[in-house]
Amino acid sequence: MAGFPNTLFGMGNPLLDILVVVDKDFLDKYSLKPNDQILAEDKHKALFEEIVKKFKVDYHAGGATQNSIKIAQWMIQEPHNVGTFFGCIGKDKFGEILKQKAKEAHIDAHYYEQDEEPTGTCAACITGTNRSLVANLAAANCYKKDKHLDLEENWKLVEKAKVYYIAGFFLTVSLESILKVAKHAAENNKLFCMNLSAPFICQFFKDNLMQVLPYVDVLFGNEMESAAFAKEQDFDTTDIKEIAKKAQALPKVNKKRQRIVVLTQGKDDTVMAHVVKIDPKDIVDTNGAGDAFVGGFLSQLVRDKPLEQCMKAAHYAANVIIQRGGCTFPEKPDFN
């Protein structure tokens, strides 16, 4: 069975990625780490103006969750619209681009459109194989449960799904929306998946994260995020396998499913409490590789494939993306 329309549901921050190759001086000017994800502050306002003026930029439809849903759809190919996506955009040119790109990727995007804030953007500042992401959420931060998720026609799409994926980034936007979806998944024995997404989520949005974690059936994270998570949770270990086991053992609402924790380690193995090595010379851009890993995993999960197959697809998708710029992909996957 190849999956049916709307069986995979994602909700998150739809952003237009602005890819730009910069130098170390640029990073220093805006005090950015070479490899990081942060939310834009006032001091970064000029950064967005500067990159568009001074550098050659590429625009790609982005946002972590939306990227993963697109990759899952690309891996599945047919039927179209297996993936549903909710998020908030502005009524502007960038919003129109996101709508167009979602359509081209064959995902069923239902955006909450408002005109108080412009469509969100994310500057991906690339130096060598590193990338520093600066997200200006803008409209993405305006998602409202009562204005969109609760509407009957939208909630029907949530009910149609059997696998749910929300990146941790959305914890800064609408905890109540996440909890409503998470509770629906637990009550109906469906799969709810989440990503730690960034060290700052584990540190500064810990309370929100821990309210959702009991509903999480599959938890994704990378090395940096899992280290931050372990520290915040007082796990008293830096061993990634131990961190995975301890995260797996945290309280869980739906007792019918044991939590799966999938932690990736760049060039090392993926740890799965369930961790394919990539030759550094094959890396064009790590931007999007983590989202692609999740997308590959979800593409098999939604078709009830065994975990081993989910992992194979995850590695396949990440390897394809990592050798291209941004979260872009060839026309068809070569995976079976």
C-alpha atoms as a PDB file:
ATOM      1  CA  MET A   1       0.000   0.000   0.000  1.00  0.00           C
ATOM      2  CA  ALA A   2       1.508   3.319  -1.031  1.00  0.00           C
ATOM      3  CA  GLY A   3      -0.408   5.362   1.514  1.00  0.00           C
ATOM      4  CA  PHE A   4      -3.531   7.462   1.076  1.00  0.00           C
ATOM      5  CA  PRO A   5      -3.948  11.224   0.807  1.00  0.00           C
ATOM      6  CA  ASN A   6      -3.656  13.126   4.096  1.00  0.00           C
ATOM      7  CA  THR A   7      -2.297  10.177   6.114  1.00  0.00           C
ATOM      8  CA  LEU A   8       0.767  12.180   7.195  1.00  0.00           C
ATOM      9  CA  PHE A   9       0.130  15.430   9.063  1.00  0.00           C
ATOM     10  CA  GLY A  10       2.650  18.169   9.784  1.00  0.00           C
ATOM     11  CA  MET A  11       2.266  21.517  11.523  1.00  0.00           C
ATOM     12  CA  GLY A  12       5.000  24.096  11.895  1.00  0.00           C
ATOM     13  CA  ASN A  13       6.649  27.307  10.767  1.00  0.00           C
ATOM     14  CA  PRO A  14       6.455  27.816   6.990  1.00  0.00           C
ATOM     15  CA  LEU A  15       9.492  29.933   6.136  1.00  0.00           C
ATOM     16  CA  LEU A  16      11.099  31.070   2.933  1.00  0.00           C
ATOM     17  CA  ASP A  17      14.751  30.037   3.172  1.00  0.00           C
ATOM     18  CA  ILE A  18      17.256  32.571   1.907  1.00  0.00           C
ATOM     19  CA  LEU A  19      20.444  30.642   1.102  1.00  0.00           C
ATOM     20  CA  VAL A  20      23.609  32.691   1.034  1.00  0.00           C
ATOM     21  CA  VAL A  21      27.319  31.826   1.032  1.00  0.00           C
ATOM     22  CA  VAL A  22      29.121  34.188   3.420  1.00  0.00           C
ATOM     23  CA  ASP A  23      32.546  34.467   5.069  1.00  0.00           C
ATOM     24  CA  LYS A  24      33.725  34.318   8.668  1.00  0.00           C
ATOM     25  CA  ASP A  25      33.749  38.122   8.947  1.00  0.00           C
ATOM     26  CA  PHE A  26      30.047  38.179   8.181  1.00  0.00           C
ATOM     27  CA  LEU A  27      29.354  35.583  10.890  1.00  0.00           C
ATOM     28  CA  ASP A  28      31.453  37.555  13.369  1.00  0.00           C
ATOM     29  CA  LYS A  29      29.702  40.805  12.503  1.00  0.00           C
ATOM     30  CA  TYR A  30      26.366  39.325  13.598  1.00  0.00           C
ATOM     31  CA  SER A  31      27.967  37.100  16.290  1.00  0.00           C
ATOM     32  CA  LEU A  32      26.771  33.874  14.639  1.00  0.00           C
ATOM     33  CA  LYS A  33      28.245  30.423  15.245  1.00  0.00           C
ATOM     34  CA  PRO A  34      29.172  28.593  12.003  1.00  0.00           C
ATOM     35  CA  ASN A  35      26.713  25.768  12.764  1.00  0.00           C
ATOM     36  CA  ASP A  36      23.644  26.784  14.717  1.00  0.00           C
ATOM     37  CA  GLN A  37      19.946  27.598  14.621  1.00  0.00           C
ATOM     38  CA  ILE A  38      18.684  30.725  16.339  1.00  0.00           C
ATOM     39  CA  LEU A  39      15.679  33.011  16.311  1.00  0.00           C
ATOM     40  CA  ALA A  40      16.364  36.481  14.896  1.00  0.00           C
ATOM     41  CA  GLU A  41      16.636  39.328  17.388  1.00  0.00           C
ATOM     42  CA  ASP A  42      16.652  43.065  16.721  1.00  0.00           C
ATOM     43  CA  LYS A  43      20.400  42.989  16.058  1.00  0.00           C
ATOM     44  CA  HIS A  44      19.788  40.652  13.113  1.00  0.00           C
ATOM     45  CA  LYS A  45      17.314  42.910  11.283  1.00  0.00           C
ATOM     46  CA  ALA A  46      20.178  44.442   9.272  1.00  0.00           C
ATOM     47  CA  LEU A  47      21.474  40.956   8.394  1.00  0.00           C
ATOM     48  CA  PHE A  48      18.426  40.229   6.238  1.00  0.00           C
ATOM     49  CA  GLU A  49      18.808  43.562   4.418  1.00  0.00           C
ATOM     50  CA  GLU A  50      22.546  43.072   3.943  1.00  0.00           C
ATOM     51  CA  ILE A  51      22.401  39.581   2.434  1.00  0.00           C
ATOM     52  CA  VAL A  52      19.817  40.565  -0.153  1.00  0.00           C
ATOM     53  CA  LYS A  53      21.795  43.702  -1.102  1.00  0.00           C
ATOM     54  CA  LYS A  54      25.359  42.363  -1.078  1.00  0.00           C
ATOM     55  CA  PHE A  55      25.196  38.672  -1.889  1.00  0.00           C
ATOM     56  CA  LYS A  56      23.720  36.380  -4.496  1.00  0.00           C
ATOM     57  CA  VAL A  57      20.881  34.618  -2.714  1.00  0.00           C
ATOM     58  CA  ASP A  58      18.774  31.562  -3.517  1.00  0.00           C
ATOM     59  CA  TYR A  59      15.198  31.293  -2.314  1.00  0.00           C
ATOM     60  CA  HIS A  60      13.776  27.923  -1.264  1.00  0.00           C
ATOM     61  CA  ALA A  61      10.517  27.043   0.448  1.00  0.00           C
ATOM     62  CA  GLY A  62      11.524  25.976   3.931  1.00  0.00           C
ATOM     63  CA  GLY A  63      10.626  25.538   7.542  1.00  0.00           C
ATOM     64  CA  ALA A  64      11.775  22.322   9.174  1.00  0.00           C
ATOM     65  CA  THR A  65       8.430  20.522   9.398  1.00  0.00           C
ATOM     66  CA  GLN A  66       7.314  21.536   5.920  1.00  0.00           C
ATOM     67  CA  ASN A  67      10.662  20.323   4.505  1.00  0.00           C
ATOM     68  CA  SER A  68      10.221  16.919   6.138  1.00  0.00           C
ATOM     69  CA  ILE A  69       6.663  16.544   4.853  1.00  0.00           C
ATOM     70  CA  LYS A  70       7.847  17.437   1.337  1.00  0.00           C
ATOM     71  CA  ILE A  71      10.671  14.906   1.453  1.00  0.00           C
ATOM     72  CA  ALA A  72       8.289  12.214   2.688  1.00  0.00           C
ATOM     73  CA  GLN A  73       5.954  13.023  -0.214  1.00  0.00           C
ATOM     74  CA  TRP A  74       8.903  12.925  -2.659  1.00  0.00           C
ATOM     75  CA  MET A  75       9.927   9.493  -1.359  1.00  0.00           C
ATOM     76  CA  ILE A  76       6.345   8.220  -1.690  1.00  0.00           C
ATOM     77  CA  GLN A  77       5.718   9.883  -5.112  1.00  0.00           C
ATOM     78  CA  GLU A  78       2.184   8.532  -5.639  1.00  0.00           C
ATOM     79  CA  PRO A  79      -0.491   9.306  -4.590  1.00  0.00           C
ATOM     80  CA  HIS A  80      -0.075  13.058  -4.250  1.00  0.00           C
ATOM     81  CA  ASN A  81      -1.109  14.898  -1.082  1.00  0.00           C
ATOM     82  CA  VAL A  82      -0.160  12.101   1.325  1.00  0.00           C
ATOM     83  CA  GLY A  83       1.251  14.938   3.417  1.00  0.00           C
ATOM     84  CA  THR A  84      -0.920  17.664   4.934  1.00  0.00           C
ATOM     85  CA  PHE A  85       0.728  20.800   6.313  1.00  0.00           C
ATOM     86  CA  PHE A  86      -0.610  23.591   8.547  1.00  0.00           C
ATOM     87  CA  GLY A  87       1.163  26.840   9.371  1.00  0.00           C
ATOM     88  CA  CYS A  88       0.781  30.609   9.159  1.00  0.00           C
ATOM     89  CA  ILE A  89       1.931  32.935   6.362  1.00  0.00           C
ATOM     90  CA  GLY A  90       1.427  36.565   5.364  1.00  0.00           C
ATOM     91  CA  LYS A  91      -0.603  37.870   2.440  1.00  0.00           C
ATOM     92  CA  ASP A  92       2.440  38.800   0.379  1.00  0.00           C
ATOM     93  CA  LYS A  93       4.833  37.767  -2.393  1.00  0.00           C
ATOM     94  CA  PHE A  94       6.806  35.364  -0.189  1.00  0.00           C
ATOM     95  CA  GLY A  95       3.531  33.756   0.949  1.00  0.00           C
ATOM     96  CA  GLU A  96       2.530  33.232  -2.685  1.00  0.00           C
ATOM     97  CA  ILE A  97       5.908  31.589  -3.364  1.00  0.00           C
ATOM     98  CA  LEU A  98       5.390  29.184  -0.443  1.00  0.00           C
ATOM     99  CA  LYS A  99       1.918  28.264  -1.712  1.00  0.00           C
ATOM    100  CA  GLN A 100       3.280  27.657  -5.204  1.00  0.00           C
ATOM    101  CA  LYS A 101       6.197  25.551  -3.911  1.00  0.00           C
ATOM    102  CA  ALA A 102       3.900  23.437  -1.740  1.00  0.00           C
ATOM    103  CA  LYS A 103       1.727  22.759  -4.767  1.00  0.00           C
ATOM    104  CA  GLU A 104       4.780  21.784  -6.846  1.00  0.00           C
ATOM    105  CA  ALA A 105       5.860  19.393  -4.087  1.00  0.00           C
ATOM    106  CA  HIS A 106       2.359  17.817  -4.121  1.00  0.00           C
ATOM    107  CA  ILE A 107       1.665  18.421  -0.454  1.00  0.00           C
ATOM    108  CA  ASP A 108      -1.735  19.541   0.785  1.00  0.00           C
ATOM    109  CA  ALA A 109      -0.819  22.810   2.498  1.00  0.00           C
ATOM    110  CA  HIS A 110      -3.548  24.702   4.334  1.00  0.00           C
ATOM    111  CA  TYR A 111      -2.079  27.971   5.523  1.00  0.00           C
ATOM    112  CA  TYR A 112      -3.639  30.343   7.993  1.00  0.00           C
ATOM    113  CA  GLU A 113      -3.203  33.641   6.156  1.00  0.00           C
ATOM    114  CA  GLN A 114      -3.106  36.931   8.051  1.00  0.00           C
ATOM    115  CA  ASP A 115      -1.946  40.419   7.137  1.00  0.00           C
ATOM    116  CA  GLU A 116      -0.508  41.729  10.413  1.00  0.00           C
ATOM    117  CA  GLU A 117       2.895  40.105   9.861  1.00  0.00           C
ATOM    118  CA  PRO A 118       4.823  39.277   6.672  1.00  0.00           C
ATOM    119  CA  THR A 119       5.678  35.695   5.710  1.00  0.00           C
ATOM    120  CA  GLY A 120       8.563  34.349   7.807  1.00  0.00           C
ATOM    121  CA  THR A 121      12.076  33.955   6.447  1.00  0.00           C
ATOM    122  CA  CYS A 122      15.164  32.016   7.443  1.00  0.00           C
ATOM    123  CA  ALA A 123      18.652  33.146   6.490  1.00  0.00           C
ATOM    124  CA  ALA A 124      20.886  30.113   5.907  1.00  0.00           C
ATOM    125  CA  CYS A 125      24.385  31.589   6.138  1.00  0.00           C
ATOM    126  CA  ILE A 126      26.714  29.030   4.599  1.00  0.00           C
ATOM    127  CA  THR A 127      30.470  28.835   5.193  1.00  0.00           C
ATOM    128  CA  GLY A 128      32.101  25.719   3.727  1.00  0.00           C
ATOM    129  CA  THR A 129      30.027  22.723   4.871  1.00  0.00           C
ATOM    130  CA  ASN A 130      28.560  24.593   7.851  1.00  0.00           C
ATOM    131  CA  ARG A 131      25.394  26.572   7.994  1.00  0.00           C
ATOM    132  CA  SER A 132      24.115  29.063  10.517  1.00  0.00           C
ATOM    133  CA  LEU A 133      20.347  29.490  10.455  1.00  0.00           C
ATOM    134  CA  VAL A 134      18.705  32.718  11.573  1.00  0.00           C
ATOM    135  CA  ALA A 135      14.917  32.471  11.549  1.00  0.00           C
ATOM    136  CA  ASN A 136      12.711  35.527  11.465  1.00  0.00           C
ATOM    137  CA  LEU A 137       9.384  33.839  12.224  1.00  0.00           C
ATOM    138  CA  ALA A 138       7.166  36.881  11.619  1.00  0.00           C
ATOM    139  CA  ALA A 139       3.850  35.444  10.311  1.00  0.00           C
ATOM    140  CA  ALA A 140       4.805  31.877  11.313  1.00  0.00           C
ATOM    141  CA  ASN A 141       4.601  33.052  14.928  1.00  0.00           C
ATOM    142  CA  CYS A 142       0.962  34.086  14.444  1.00  0.00           C
ATOM    143  CA  TYR A 143      -0.562  30.604  14.088  1.00  0.00           C
ATOM    144  CA  LYS A 144      -3.769  30.429  16.149  1.00  0.00           C
ATOM    145  CA  LYS A 145      -5.512  27.249  17.264  1.00  0.00           C
ATOM    146  CA  ASP A 146      -8.966  28.855  17.385  1.00  0.00           C
ATOM    147  CA  LYS A 147      -8.543  30.608  14.017  1.00  0.00           C
ATOM    148  CA  HIS A 148      -7.327  27.582  12.069  1.00  0.00           C
ATOM    149  CA  LEU A 149      -6.774  24.188  13.744  1.00  0.00           C
ATOM    150  CA  ASP A 150     -10.204  24.170  15.424  1.00  0.00           C
ATOM    151  CA  LEU A 151     -12.115  24.900  12.216  1.00  0.00           C
ATOM    152  CA  GLU A 152     -14.155  21.867  11.274  1.00  0.00           C
ATOM    153  CA  GLU A 153     -12.763  21.421   7.753  1.00  0.00           C
ATOM    154  CA  ASN A 154      -9.192  21.651   9.087  1.00  0.00           C
ATOM    155  CA  TRP A 155      -9.697  19.355  12.068  1.00  0.00           C
ATOM    156  CA  LYS A 156     -11.183  16.751   9.663  1.00  0.00           C
ATOM    157  CA  LEU A 157      -7.770  16.655   7.947  1.00  0.00           C
ATOM    158  CA  VAL A 158      -6.096  16.064  11.310  1.00  0.00           C
ATOM    159  CA  GLU A 159      -8.463  13.161  11.956  1.00  0.00           C
ATOM    160  CA  LYS A 160      -7.693  11.618   8.553  1.00  0.00           C
ATOM    161  CA  ALA A 161      -3.995  11.284   9.411  1.00  0.00           C
ATOM    162  CA  LYS A 162      -2.338   8.342  11.134  1.00  0.00           C
ATOM    163  CA  VAL A 163       1.184   9.739  11.540  1.00  0.00           C
ATOM    164  CA  TYR A 164       1.851  13.224  12.939  1.00  0.00           C
ATOM    165  CA  TYR A 165       5.091  15.181  12.830  1.00  0.00           C
ATOM    166  CA  ILE A 166       5.828  18.520  14.462  1.00  0.00           C
ATOM    167  CA  ALA A 167       9.317  19.971  14.818  1.00  0.00           C
ATOM    168  CA  GLY A 168      10.272  21.323  18.245  1.00  0.00           C
ATOM    169  CA  PHE A 169      10.522  24.779  16.654  1.00  0.00           C
ATOM    170  CA  PHE A 170       6.721  25.050  16.789  1.00  0.00           C
ATOM    171  CA  LEU A 171       6.856  24.873  20.609  1.00  0.00           C
ATOM    172  CA  THR A 172       7.707  28.585  20.530  1.00  0.00           C
ATOM    173  CA  VAL A 173       4.533  29.332  18.567  1.00  0.00           C
ATOM    174  CA  SER A 174       1.471  27.379  19.674  1.00  0.00           C
ATOM    175  CA  LEU A 175       1.773  24.837  22.469  1.00  0.00           C
ATOM    176  CA  GLU A 176      -2.010  24.469  22.643  1.00  0.00           C
ATOM    177  CA  SER A 177      -2.213  23.475  18.962  1.00  0.00           C
ATOM    178  CA  ILE A 178       0.510  20.854  19.458  1.00  0.00           C
ATOM    179  CA  LEU A 179      -1.183  19.422  22.549  1.00  0.00           C
ATOM    180  CA  LYS A 180      -4.539  19.150  20.800  1.00  0.00           C
ATOM    181  CA  VAL A 181      -2.981  17.110  17.967  1.00  0.00           C
ATOM    182  CA  ALA A 182      -0.793  15.076  20.354  1.00  0.00           C
ATOM    183  CA  LYS A 183      -3.757  14.122  22.537  1.00  0.00           C
ATOM    184  CA  HIS A 184      -5.787  13.102  19.489  1.00  0.00           C
ATOM    185  CA  ALA A 185      -2.906  10.830  18.406  1.00  0.00           C
ATOM    186  CA  ALA A 186      -2.561   9.207  21.840  1.00  0.00           C
ATOM    187  CA  GLU A 187      -6.301   8.658  22.268  1.00  0.00           C
ATOM    188  CA  ASN A 188      -6.542   6.972  18.870  1.00  0.00           C
ATOM    189  CA  ASN A 189      -3.293   4.996  19.091  1.00  0.00           C
ATOM    190  CA  LYS A 190      -1.790   6.900  16.169  1.00  0.00           C
ATOM    191  CA  LEU A 191       1.882   7.861  15.878  1.00  0.00           C
ATOM    192  CA  PHE A 192       3.002  11.267  17.134  1.00  0.00           C
ATOM    193  CA  CYS A 193       6.550  12.267  16.186  1.00  0.00           C
ATOM    194  CA  MET A 194       8.613  15.216  17.306  1.00  0.00           C
ATOM    195  CA  ASN A 195      12.070  16.672  16.831  1.00  0.00           C
ATOM    196  CA  LEU A 196      14.210  18.368  19.486  1.00  0.00           C
ATOM    197  CA  SER A 197      15.107  20.744  16.601  1.00  0.00           C
ATOM    198  CA  ALA A 198      17.686  22.982  18.300  1.00  0.00           C
ATOM    199  CA  PRO A 199      19.621  23.385  21.557  1.00  0.00           C
ATOM    200  CA  PHE A 200      17.662  26.562  22.386  1.00  0.00           C
ATOM    201  CA  ILE A 201      14.391  24.597  22.314  1.00  0.00           C
ATOM    202  CA  CYS A 202      15.755  22.125  24.884  1.00  0.00           C
ATOM    203  CA  GLN A 203      17.052  24.986  27.037  1.00  0.00           C
ATOM    204  CA  PHE A 204      14.583  27.850  26.854  1.00  0.00           C
ATOM    205  CA  PHE A 205      11.369  26.057  25.897  1.00  0.00           C
ATOM    206  CA  LYS A 206      11.957  23.109  28.184  1.00  0.00           C
ATOM    207  CA  ASP A 207       8.597  23.460  29.980  1.00  0.00           C
ATOM    208  CA  ASN A 208       6.661  23.393  26.704  1.00  0.00           C
ATOM    209  CA  LEU A 209       8.740  20.469  25.451  1.00  0.00           C
ATOM    210  CA  MET A 210       8.122  18.471  28.618  1.00  0.00           C
ATOM    211  CA  GLN A 211       4.357  19.049  28.378  1.00  0.00           C
ATOM    212  CA  VAL A 212       4.365  17.444  24.931  1.00  0.00           C
ATOM    213  CA  LEU A 213       6.961  14.706  25.490  1.00  0.00           C
ATOM    214  CA  PRO A 214       4.587  12.241  27.225  1.00  0.00           C
ATOM    215  CA  TYR A 215       2.669  12.066  23.926  1.00  0.00           C
ATOM    216  CA  VAL A 216       5.740  11.531  21.742  1.00  0.00           C
ATOM    217  CA  ASP A 217       6.023   8.066  20.130  1.00  0.00           C
ATOM    218  CA  VAL A 218       9.054   8.870  17.969  1.00  0.00           C
ATOM    219  CA  LEU A 219      11.603  11.473  19.077  1.00  0.00           C
ATOM    220  CA  PHE A 220      14.294  12.751  16.698  1.00  0.00           C
ATOM    221  CA  GLY A 221      17.371  14.772  17.541  1.00  0.00           C
ATOM    222  CA  ASN A 222      20.985  15.380  16.572  1.00  0.00           C
ATOM    223  CA  GLU A 223      24.182  15.396  18.617  1.00  0.00           C
ATOM    224  CA  MET A 224      24.061  19.014  19.742  1.00  0.00           C
ATOM    225  CA  GLU A 225      20.370  18.889  20.604  1.00  0.00           C
ATOM    226  CA  SER A 226      20.587  15.627  22.518  1.00  0.00           C
ATOM    227  CA  ALA A 227      23.542  16.977  24.537  1.00  0.00           C
ATOM    228  CA  ALA A 228      21.519  20.092  25.453  1.00  0.00           C
ATOM    229  CA  PHE A 229      18.473  17.944  26.256  1.00  0.00           C
ATOM    230  CA  ALA A 230      20.503  15.597  28.485  1.00  0.00           C
ATOM    231  CA  LYS A 231      21.995  18.528  30.362  1.00  0.00           C
ATOM    232  CA  GLU A 232      18.625  20.196  30.935  1.00  0.00           C
ATOM    233  CA  GLN A 233      17.098  16.886  32.082  1.00  0.00           C
ATOM    234  CA  ASP A 234      20.007  16.159  34.460  1.00  0.00           C
ATOM    235  CA  PHE A 235      20.682  12.843  32.724  1.00  0.00           C
ATOM    236  CA  ASP A 236      24.236  13.032  34.005  1.00  0.00           C
ATOM    237  CA  THR A 237      25.696  11.496  30.847  1.00  0.00           C
ATOM    238  CA  THR A 238      27.110  12.671  27.522  1.00  0.00           C
ATOM    239  CA  ASP A 239      26.999   9.198  25.973  1.00  0.00           C
ATOM    240  CA  ILE A 240      24.506   9.429  23.117  1.00  0.00           C
ATOM    241  CA  LYS A 241      23.318   5.822  23.508  1.00  0.00           C
ATOM    242  CA  GLU A 242      22.605   6.434  27.198  1.00  0.00           C
ATOM    243  CA  ILE A 243      20.813   9.683  26.384  1.00  0.00           C
ATOM    244  CA  ALA A 244      18.603   7.793  23.896  1.00  0.00           C
ATOM    245  CA  LYS A 245      17.738   5.152  26.514  1.00  0.00           C
ATOM    246  CA  LYS A 246      16.934   7.740  29.167  1.00  0.00           C
ATOM    247  CA  ALA A 247      14.774   9.757  26.771  1.00  0.00           C
ATOM    248  CA  GLN A 248      12.973   6.544  25.856  1.00  0.00           C
ATOM    249  CA  ALA A 249      12.242   5.830  29.534  1.00  0.00           C
ATOM    250  CA  LEU A 250      10.586   9.209  30.241  1.00  0.00           C
ATOM    251  CA  PRO A 251       6.841   9.054  31.072  1.00  0.00           C
ATOM    252  CA  LYS A 252       4.485   8.194  28.228  1.00  0.00           C
ATOM    253  CA  VAL A 253       0.701   8.508  27.904  1.00  0.00           C
ATOM    254  CA  ASN A 254      -0.042   5.863  25.253  1.00  0.00           C
ATOM    255  CA  LYS A 255       1.289   2.667  26.820  1.00  0.00           C
ATOM    256  CA  LYS A 256       0.460   0.606  23.710  1.00  0.00           C
ATOM    257  CA  ARG A 257       3.578   1.894  21.980  1.00  0.00           C
ATOM    258  CA  GLN A 258       7.097   2.035  23.325  1.00  0.00           C
ATOM    259  CA  ARG A 259       8.813   5.327  22.512  1.00  0.00           C
ATOM    260  CA  ILE A 260      11.405   5.200  19.734  1.00  0.00           C
ATOM    261  CA  VAL A 261      14.294   7.645  20.055  1.00  0.00           C
ATOM    262  CA  VAL A 262      16.374   8.318  16.958  1.00  0.00           C
ATOM    263  CA  LEU A 263      19.490  10.414  17.503  1.00  0.00           C
ATOM    264  CA  THR A 264      21.814  11.270  14.625  1.00  0.00           C
ATOM    265  CA  GLN A 265      25.513  12.008  14.881  1.00  0.00           C
ATOM    266  CA  GLY A 266      26.711  13.711  11.716  1.00  0.00           C
ATOM    267  CA  LYS A 267      29.464  11.509  10.336  1.00  0.00           C
ATOM    268  CA  ASP A 268      29.021   8.860  13.035  1.00  0.00           C
ATOM    269  CA  ASP A 269      26.278   6.313  13.202  1.00  0.00           C
ATOM    270  CA  THR A 270      22.678   7.026  14.059  1.00  0.00           C
ATOM    271  CA  VAL A 271      21.810   5.778  17.511  1.00  0.00           C
ATOM    272  CA  MET A 272      18.466   4.192  17.866  1.00  0.00           C
ATOM    273  CA  ALA A 273      17.324   3.211  21.339  1.00  0.00           C
ATOM    274  CA  HIS A 274      17.240   2.673  18.781  1.00  0.00           C
ATOM    275  CA  VAL A 275      22.469   5.888  14.851  1.00  0.00           C
ATOM    276  CA  VAL A 276      25.327   5.762   7.756  1.00  0.00           C
ATOM    277  CA  LYS A 277      28.470   7.552   7.766  1.00  0.00           C
ATOM    278  CA  ILE A 278      28.918  10.233   5.125  1.00  0.00           C
ATOM    279  CA  ASP A 279      32.266  11.119   3.653  1.00  0.00           C
ATOM    280  CA  PRO A 280      32.823  14.824   4.475  1.00  0.00           C
ATOM    281  CA  LYS A 281      34.024  15.453   0.912  1.00  0.00           C
ATOM    282  CA  ASP A 282      30.551  14.585  -0.417  1.00  0.00           C
ATOM    283  CA  ILE A 283      28.866  17.271   1.642  1.00  0.00           C
ATOM    284  CA  VAL A 284      27.670  20.303  -0.273  1.00  0.00           C
ATOM    285  CA  ASP A 285      25.425  21.708   2.397  1.00  0.00           C
ATOM    286  CA  THR A 286      24.179  20.334   5.706  1.00  0.00           C
ATOM    287  CA  ASN A 287      21.125  22.624   5.509  1.00  0.00           C
ATOM    288  CA  GLY A 288      18.094  20.392   5.217  1.00  0.00           C
ATOM    289  CA  ALA A 289      19.856  17.073   5.880  1.00  0.00           C
ATOM    290  CA  GLY A 290      18.186  16.610   9.268  1.00  0.00           C
ATOM    291  CA  ASP A 291      14.773  17.482   7.830  1.00  0.00           C
ATOM    292  CA  ALA A 292      15.403  15.040   4.977  1.00  0.00           C
ATOM    293  CA  PHE A 293      16.383  12.293   7.426  1.00  0.00           C
ATOM    294  CA  VAL A 294      13.045  12.723   9.208  1.00  0.00           C
ATOM    295  CA  GLY A 295      11.160  12.924   5.898  1.00  0.00           C
ATOM    296  CA  GLY A 296      12.665   9.659   4.708  1.00  0.00           C
ATOM    297  CA  PHE A 297      11.802   8.003   8.011  1.00  0.00           C
ATOM    298  CA  LEU A 298       8.204   9.268   7.906  1.00  0.00           C
ATOM    299  CA  SER A 299       7.732   8.108   4.300  1.00  0.00           C
ATOM    300  CA  GLN A 300       8.061   4.496   5.452  1.00  0.00           C
ATOM    301  CA  LEU A 301       6.407   4.908   8.853  1.00  0.00           C
ATOM    302  CA  VAL A 302       3.225   6.128   7.201  1.00  0.00           C
ATOM    303  CA  ARG A 303       3.209   2.933   5.107  1.00  0.00           C
ATOM    304  CA  ASP A 304       3.609   0.707   8.209  1.00  0.00           C
ATOM    305  CA  LYS A 305       7.091  -0.430   7.203  1.00  0.00           C
ATOM    306  CA  PRO A 306       9.437  -1.951   9.833  1.00  0.00           C
ATOM    307  CA  LEU A 307      11.858   0.334  11.671  1.00  0.00           C
ATOM    308  CA  GLU A 308      14.838  -0.967   9.755  1.00  0.00           C
ATOM    309  CA  GLN A 309      13.225   0.191   6.516  1.00  0.00           C
ATOM    310  CA  CYS A 310      12.391   3.588   8.072  1.00  0.00           C
ATOM    311  CA  MET A 311      16.057   4.011   9.021  1.00  0.00           C
ATOM    312  CA  LYS A 312      17.274   2.990   5.562  1.00  0.00           C
ATOM    313  CA  ALA A 313      14.961   5.519   3.924  1.00  0.00           C
ATOM    314  CA  ALA A 314      16.023   8.203   6.406  1.00  0.00           C
ATOM    315  CA  HIS A 315      19.692   7.722   5.588  1.00  0.00           C
ATOM    316  CA  TYR A 316      18.965   7.533   1.875  1.00  0.00           C
ATOM    317  CA  ALA A 317      17.047  10.845   1.871  1.00  0.00           C
ATOM    318  CA  ALA A 318      19.641  12.633   4.037  1.00  0.00           C
ATOM    319  CA  ASN A 319      22.449  11.437   1.746  1.00  0.00           C
ATOM    320  CA  VAL A 320      20.657  12.707  -1.354  1.00  0.00           C
ATOM    321  CA  ILE A 321      19.950  16.119   0.192  1.00  0.00           C
ATOM    322  CA  ILE A 322      23.396  16.593   1.713  1.00  0.00           C
ATOM    323  CA  GLN A 323      24.956  16.430  -1.747  1.00  0.00           C
ATOM    324  CA  ARG A 324      22.741  19.217  -3.102  1.00  0.00           C
ATOM    325  CA  GLY A 325      22.187  22.841  -2.120  1.00  0.00           C
ATOM    326  CA  GLY A 326      19.390  23.637   0.333  1.00  0.00           C
ATOM    327  CA  CYS A 327      16.586  21.179   0.880  1.00  0.00           C
ATOM    328  CA  THR A 328      16.248  20.418  -2.844  1.00  0.00           C
ATOM    329  CA  PHE A 329      15.943  17.001  -4.425  1.00  0.00           C
ATOM    330  CA  PRO A 330      16.076  15.244  -7.812  1.00  0.00           C
ATOM    331  CA  GLU A 331      12.860  14.442  -9.634  1.00  0.00           C
ATOM    332  CA  LYS A 332      12.501  10.872  -8.364  1.00  0.00           C
ATOM    333  CA  PRO A 333      14.071   8.889  -5.542  1.00  0.00           C
ATOM    334  CA  ASP A 334      16.141   5.820  -6.320  1.00  0.00           C
ATOM    335  CA  PHE A 335      15.071   3.905  -3.231  1.00  0.00           C
ATOM    336  CA  ASN A 336      13.144   0.688  -2.721  1.00  0.00           C
END
